[in-house]
Amino acid sequence: MMLEPPMNQLLEQVPSRYMLVNVVAQRARQIASAAEDAGIPLDEKPVTLAIHQVAEGQVELQQDE
């Protein structure tokens, strides 16, 4: 089973695998919540949508100080 998009493409956007997991999970929760609030059914799973958004650079990382 191949990950699409490839892991190295995802890691160009996020500095570590651990942060990547957190970023994708947080974005997936946001997507699921927004879809539920709007009553919109999703064609793909929220995690899949979040992964693609990270790969395309659509998710902005917030660094904790």
PDB file of N, CA and C in Angstrom:
ATOM      1  N   MET A   1       0.839  -1.173   0.000  1.00  0.00           N
ATOM      2  CA  MET A   1       0.000   0.000   0.000  1.00  0.00           C
ATOM      3  C   MET A   1       0.889   1.243   0.000  1.00  0.00           C
ATOM      4  N   MET A   2       0.714   2.077  -0.991  1.00  0.00           N
ATOM      5  CA  MET A   2       1.497   3.302  -1.125  1.00  0.00           C
ATOM      6  C   MET A   2       0.730   4.471  -0.533  1.00  0.00           C
ATOM      7  N   LEU A   3       1.443   5.290   0.211  1.00  0.00           N
ATOM      8  CA  LEU A   3       0.847   6.499   0.756  1.00  0.00           C
ATOM      9  C   LEU A   3       0.821   7.549  -0.337  1.00  0.00           C
ATOM     10  N   GLU A   4      -0.311   8.145  -0.525  1.00  0.00           N
ATOM     11  CA  GLU A   4      -0.445   9.188  -1.537  1.00  0.00           C
ATOM     12  C   GLU A   4      -1.011  10.423  -0.876  1.00  0.00           C
ATOM     13  N   PRO A   5      -0.365  11.506  -0.812  1.00  0.00           N
ATOM     14  CA  PRO A   5       0.943  11.833  -1.385  1.00  0.00           C
ATOM     15  C   PRO A   5       2.084  11.191  -0.590  1.00  0.00           C
ATOM     16  N   PRO A   6       3.265  11.094  -1.208  1.00  0.00           N
ATOM     17  CA  PRO A   6       4.398  10.440  -0.540  1.00  0.00           C
ATOM     18  C   PRO A   6       4.813  11.167   0.743  1.00  0.00           C
ATOM     19  N   MET A   7       5.353  10.411   1.675  1.00  0.00           N
ATOM     20  CA  MET A   7       5.759  10.964   2.967  1.00  0.00           C
ATOM     21  C   MET A   7       6.768  12.094   2.798  1.00  0.00           C
ATOM     22  N   ASN A   8       7.725  11.947   1.871  1.00  0.00           N
ATOM     23  CA  ASN A   8       8.728  13.004   1.722  1.00  0.00           C
ATOM     24  C   ASN A   8       8.103  14.313   1.232  1.00  0.00           C
ATOM     25  N   GLN A   9       7.031  14.239   0.475  1.00  0.00           N
ATOM     26  CA  GLN A   9       6.325  15.451   0.049  1.00  0.00           C
ATOM     27  C   GLN A   9       5.644  16.112   1.250  1.00  0.00           C
ATOM     28  N   LEU A  10       5.079  15.312   2.128  1.00  0.00           N
ATOM     29  CA  LEU A  10       4.448  15.847   3.337  1.00  0.00           C
ATOM     30  C   LEU A  10       5.487  16.474   4.265  1.00  0.00           C
ATOM     31  N   LEU A  11       6.658  15.840   4.355  1.00  0.00           N
ATOM     32  CA  LEU A  11       7.699  16.340   5.253  1.00  0.00           C
ATOM     33  C   LEU A  11       8.370  17.603   4.725  1.00  0.00           C
ATOM     34  N   GLU A  12       8.115  17.972   3.471  1.00  0.00           N
ATOM     35  CA  GLU A  12       8.585  19.262   2.960  1.00  0.00           C
ATOM     36  C   GLU A  12       7.786  20.400   3.595  1.00  0.00           C
ATOM     37  N   GLN A  13       6.574  20.099   4.043  1.00  0.00           N
ATOM     38  CA  GLN A  13       5.686  21.104   4.623  1.00  0.00           C
ATOM     39  C   GLN A  13       5.767  21.155   6.148  1.00  0.00           C
ATOM     40  N   VAL A  14       6.092  20.018   6.759  1.00  0.00           N
ATOM     41  CA  VAL A  14       6.109  19.899   8.226  1.00  0.00           C
ATOM     42  C   VAL A  14       7.468  19.320   8.621  1.00  0.00           C
ATOM     43  N   PRO A  15       8.135  19.890   9.633  1.00  0.00           N
ATOM     44  CA  PRO A  15       9.510  19.495   9.937  1.00  0.00           C
ATOM     45  C   PRO A  15       9.726  18.081  10.493  1.00  0.00           C
ATOM     46  N   SER A  16       8.720  17.443  11.081  1.00  0.00           N
ATOM     47  CA  SER A  16       8.937  16.098  11.622  1.00  0.00           C
ATOM     48  C   SER A  16       7.681  15.246  11.453  1.00  0.00           C
ATOM     49  N   ARG A  17       7.890  13.944  11.489  1.00  0.00           N
ATOM     50  CA  ARG A  17       6.767  13.013  11.363  1.00  0.00           C
ATOM     51  C   ARG A  17       5.786  13.173  12.523  1.00  0.00           C
ATOM     52  N   TYR A  18       6.311  13.444  13.701  1.00  0.00           N
ATOM     53  CA  TYR A  18       5.465  13.570  14.888  1.00  0.00           C
ATOM     54  C   TYR A  18       4.575  14.805  14.790  1.00  0.00           C
ATOM     55  N   MET A  19       5.160  15.906  14.330  1.00  0.00           N
ATOM     56  CA  MET A  19       4.373  17.116  14.152  1.00  0.00           C
ATOM     57  C   MET A  19       3.363  16.918  13.023  1.00  0.00           C
ATOM     58  N   LEU A  20       3.754  16.185  11.994  1.00  0.00           N
ATOM     59  CA  LEU A  20       2.856  15.904  10.876  1.00  0.00           C
ATOM     60  C   LEU A  20       1.592  15.197  11.360  1.00  0.00           C
ATOM     61  N   VAL A  21       1.752  14.206  12.213  1.00  0.00           N
ATOM     62  CA  VAL A  21       0.602  13.476  12.751  1.00  0.00           C
ATOM     63  C   VAL A  21      -0.327  14.425  13.502  1.00  0.00           C
ATOM     64  N   ASN A  22       0.253  15.291  14.313  1.00  0.00           N
ATOM     65  CA  ASN A  22      -0.560  16.234  15.083  1.00  0.00           C
ATOM     66  C   ASN A  22      -1.269  17.241  14.188  1.00  0.00           C
ATOM     67  N   VAL A  23      -0.561  17.755  13.191  1.00  0.00           N
ATOM     68  CA  VAL A  23      -1.147  18.744  12.280  1.00  0.00           C
ATOM     69  C   VAL A  23      -2.296  18.129  11.492  1.00  0.00           C
ATOM     70  N   VAL A  24      -2.083  16.926  10.953  1.00  0.00           N
ATOM     71  CA  VAL A  24      -3.127  16.258  10.171  1.00  0.00           C
ATOM     72  C   VAL A  24      -4.332  15.939  11.052  1.00  0.00           C
ATOM     73  N   ALA A  25      -4.093  15.447  12.255  1.00  0.00           N
ATOM     74  CA  ALA A  25      -5.206  15.108  13.152  1.00  0.00           C
ATOM     75  C   ALA A  25      -6.020  16.344  13.520  1.00  0.00           C
ATOM     76  N   GLN A  26      -5.333  17.433  13.830  1.00  0.00           N
ATOM     77  CA  GLN A  26      -6.038  18.661  14.195  1.00  0.00           C
ATOM     78  C   GLN A  26      -6.852  19.188  13.013  1.00  0.00           C
ATOM     79  N   ARG A  27      -6.254  19.191  11.825  1.00  0.00           N
ATOM     80  CA  ARG A  27      -6.973  19.685  10.642  1.00  0.00           C
ATOM     81  C   ARG A  27      -8.152  18.770  10.312  1.00  0.00           C
ATOM     82  N   ALA A  28      -7.984  17.464  10.463  1.00  0.00           N
ATOM     83  CA  ALA A  28      -9.074  16.521  10.192  1.00  0.00           C
ATOM     84  C   ALA A  28     -10.250  16.765  11.140  1.00  0.00           C
ATOM     85  N   ARG A  29      -9.955  17.049  12.403  1.00  0.00           N
ATOM     86  CA  ARG A  29     -11.029  17.373  13.359  1.00  0.00           C
ATOM     87  C   ARG A  29     -11.755  18.648  12.946  1.00  0.00           C
ATOM     88  N   GLN A  30     -11.003  19.645  12.475  1.00  0.00           N
ATOM     89  CA  GLN A  30     -11.618  20.896  12.018  1.00  0.00           C
ATOM     90  C   GLN A  30     -12.533  20.648  10.821  1.00  0.00           C
ATOM     91  N   ILE A  31     -12.065  19.845   9.873  1.00  0.00           N
ATOM     92  CA  ILE A  31     -12.855  19.534   8.675  1.00  0.00           C
ATOM     93  C   ILE A  31     -14.134  18.801   9.063  1.00  0.00           C
ATOM     94  N   ALA A  32     -14.009  17.780   9.913  1.00  0.00           N
ATOM     95  CA  ALA A  32     -15.172  16.991  10.322  1.00  0.00           C
ATOM     96  C   ALA A  32     -16.183  17.850  11.069  1.00  0.00           C
ATOM     97  N   SER A  33     -15.697  18.700  11.947  1.00  0.00           N
ATOM     98  CA  SER A  33     -16.579  19.561  12.725  1.00  0.00           C
ATOM     99  C   SER A  33     -17.307  20.562  11.832  1.00  0.00           C
ATOM    100  N   ALA A  34     -16.585  21.174  10.913  1.00  0.00           N
ATOM    101  CA  ALA A  34     -17.198  22.148  10.003  1.00  0.00           C
ATOM    102  C   ALA A  34     -18.241  21.487   9.109  1.00  0.00           C
ATOM    103  N   ALA A  35     -17.949  20.295   8.616  1.00  0.00           N
ATOM    104  CA  ALA A  35     -18.897  19.583   7.758  1.00  0.00           C
ATOM    105  C   ALA A  35     -20.145  19.196   8.544  1.00  0.00           C
ATOM    106  N   GLU A  36     -19.956  18.761   9.782  1.00  0.00           N
ATOM    107  CA  GLU A  36     -21.098  18.377  10.614  1.00  0.00           C
ATOM    108  C   GLU A  36     -21.967  19.593  10.939  1.00  0.00           C
ATOM    109  N   ASP A  37     -21.325  20.703  11.300  1.00  0.00           N
ATOM    110  CA  ASP A  37     -22.070  21.925  11.622  1.00  0.00           C
ATOM    111  C   ASP A  37     -22.871  22.434  10.426  1.00  0.00           C
ATOM    112  N   ALA A  38     -22.296  22.294   9.225  1.00  0.00           N
ATOM    113  CA  ALA A  38     -22.961  22.778   8.013  1.00  0.00           C
ATOM    114  C   ALA A  38     -23.921  21.743   7.432  1.00  0.00           C
ATOM    115  N   GLY A  39     -23.884  20.526   7.957  1.00  0.00           N
ATOM    116  CA  GLY A  39     -24.750  19.471   7.443  1.00  0.00           C
ATOM    117  C   GLY A  39     -24.342  18.993   6.063  1.00  0.00           C
ATOM    118  N   ILE A  40     -23.042  19.098   5.774  1.00  0.00           N
ATOM    119  CA  ILE A  40     -22.522  18.714   4.459  1.00  0.00           C
ATOM    120  C   ILE A  40     -21.875  17.334   4.562  1.00  0.00           C
ATOM    121  N   PRO A  41     -22.306  16.377   3.735  1.00  0.00           N
ATOM    122  CA  PRO A  41     -21.631  15.076   3.728  1.00  0.00           C
ATOM    123  C   PRO A  41     -20.284  15.192   3.002  1.00  0.00           C
ATOM    124  N   LEU A  42     -19.279  14.505   3.523  1.00  0.00           N
ATOM    125  CA  LEU A  42     -17.956  14.535   2.909  1.00  0.00           C
ATOM    126  C   LEU A  42     -17.805  13.365   1.944  1.00  0.00           C
ATOM    127  N   ASP A  43     -17.214  13.627   0.778  1.00  0.00           N
ATOM    128  CA  ASP A  43     -16.960  12.571  -0.203  1.00  0.00           C
ATOM    129  C   ASP A  43     -15.767  11.708   0.205  1.00  0.00           C
ATOM    130  N   GLU A  44     -14.823  12.319   0.918  1.00  0.00           N
ATOM    131  CA  GLU A  44     -13.644  11.601   1.392  1.00  0.00           C
ATOM    132  C   GLU A  44     -13.572  11.734   2.909  1.00  0.00           C
ATOM    133  N   LYS A  45     -12.770  10.887   3.522  1.00  0.00           N
ATOM    134  CA  LYS A  45     -12.600  10.954   4.971  1.00  0.00           C
ATOM    135  C   LYS A  45     -11.846  12.234   5.335  1.00  0.00           C
ATOM    136  N   PRO A  46     -12.142  12.802   6.503  1.00  0.00           N
ATOM    137  CA  PRO A  46     -11.475  14.035   6.918  1.00  0.00           C
ATOM    138  C   PRO A  46      -9.945  13.920   6.957  1.00  0.00           C
ATOM    139  N   VAL A  47      -9.428  12.768   7.355  1.00  0.00           N
ATOM    140  CA  VAL A  47      -7.973  12.592   7.411  1.00  0.00           C
ATOM    141  C   VAL A  47      -7.374  12.662   6.009  1.00  0.00           C
ATOM    142  N   THR A  48      -8.032  12.054   5.037  1.00  0.00           N
ATOM    143  CA  THR A  48      -7.555  12.102   3.656  1.00  0.00           C
ATOM    144  C   THR A  48      -7.532  13.535   3.151  1.00  0.00           C
ATOM    145  N   LEU A  49      -8.593  14.279   3.418  1.00  0.00           N
ATOM    146  CA  LEU A  49      -8.647  15.679   3.004  1.00  0.00           C
ATOM    147  C   LEU A  49      -7.538  16.483   3.680  1.00  0.00           C
ATOM    148  N   ALA A  50      -7.316  16.239   4.964  1.00  0.00           N
ATOM    149  CA  ALA A  50      -6.282  16.962   5.703  1.00  0.00           C
ATOM    150  C   ALA A  50      -4.891  16.654   5.161  1.00  0.00           C
ATOM    151  N   ILE A  51      -4.620  15.405   4.842  1.00  0.00           N
ATOM    152  CA  ILE A  51      -3.316  15.022   4.286  1.00  0.00           C
ATOM    153  C   ILE A  51      -3.066  15.757   2.977  1.00  0.00           C
ATOM    154  N   HIS A  52      -4.063  15.800   2.119  1.00  0.00           N
ATOM    155  CA  HIS A  52      -3.902  16.489   0.836  1.00  0.00           C
ATOM    156  C   HIS A  52      -3.708  17.992   1.037  1.00  0.00           C
ATOM    157  N   GLN A  53      -4.393  18.569   1.998  1.00  0.00           N
ATOM    158  CA  GLN A  53      -4.226  19.998   2.269  1.00  0.00           C
ATOM    159  C   GLN A  53      -2.820  20.304   2.781  1.00  0.00           C
ATOM    160  N   VAL A  54      -2.284  19.452   3.626  1.00  0.00           N
ATOM    161  CA  VAL A  54      -0.917  19.640   4.121  1.00  0.00           C
ATOM    162  C   VAL A  54       0.068  19.530   2.960  1.00  0.00           C
ATOM    163  N   ALA A  55      -0.094  18.528   2.117  1.00  0.00           N
ATOM    164  CA  ALA A  55       0.817  18.323   0.991  1.00  0.00           C
ATOM    165  C   ALA A  55       0.807  19.509   0.033  1.00  0.00           C
ATOM    166  N   GLU A  56      -0.349  20.137  -0.120  1.00  0.00           N
ATOM    167  CA  GLU A  56      -0.478  21.271  -1.037  1.00  0.00           C
ATOM    168  C   GLU A  56      -0.106  22.594  -0.377  1.00  0.00           C
ATOM    169  N   GLY A  57       0.282  22.561   0.898  1.00  0.00           N
ATOM    170  CA  GLY A  57       0.695  23.775   1.597  1.00  0.00           C
ATOM    171  C   GLY A  57      -0.455  24.670   2.010  1.00  0.00           C
ATOM    172  N   GLN A  58      -1.653  24.117   2.111  1.00  0.00           N
ATOM    173  CA  GLN A  58      -2.829  24.904   2.469  1.00  0.00           C
ATOM    174  C   GLN A  58      -3.019  25.037   3.978  1.00  0.00           C
ATOM    175  N   VAL A  59      -2.240  24.293   4.751  1.00  0.00           N
ATOM    176  CA  VAL A  59      -2.362  24.334   6.210  1.00  0.00           C
ATOM    177  C   VAL A  59      -1.170  25.107   6.757  1.00  0.00           C
ATOM    178  N   GLU A  60      -1.458  26.143   7.536  1.00  0.00           N
ATOM    179  CA  GLU A  60      -0.406  26.975   8.110  1.00  0.00           C
ATOM    180  C   GLU A  60      -0.052  26.460   9.496  1.00  0.00           C
ATOM    181  N   LEU A  61       1.241  26.235   9.724  1.00  0.00           N
ATOM    182  CA  LEU A  61       1.700  25.747  11.024  1.00  0.00           C
ATOM    183  C   LEU A  61       1.842  26.909  11.986  1.00  0.00           C
ATOM    184  N   GLN A  62       1.440  26.679  13.225  1.00  0.00           N
ATOM    185  CA  GLN A  62       1.612  27.680  14.273  1.00  0.00           C
ATOM    186  C   GLN A  62       2.626  27.141  15.265  1.00  0.00           C
ATOM    187  N   GLN A  63       3.745  27.829  15.382  1.00  0.00           N
ATOM    188  CA  GLN A  63       4.806  27.405  16.294  1.00  0.00           C
ATOM    189  C   GLN A  63       4.514  27.921  17.693  1.00  0.00           C
ATOM    190  N   ASP A  64       4.613  27.039  18.689  1.00  0.00           N
ATOM    191  CA  ASP A  64       4.472  27.456  20.086  1.00  0.00           C
ATOM    192  C   ASP A  64       5.774  28.107  20.530  1.00  0.00           C
ATOM    193  N   GLU A  65       5.649  29.144  21.313  1.00  0.00           N
ATOM    194  CA  GLU A  65       6.855  29.833  21.796  1.00  0.00           C
ATOM    195  C   GLU A  65       7.195  29.387  23.190  1.00  0.00           C
TER     196      GLU A  65
END
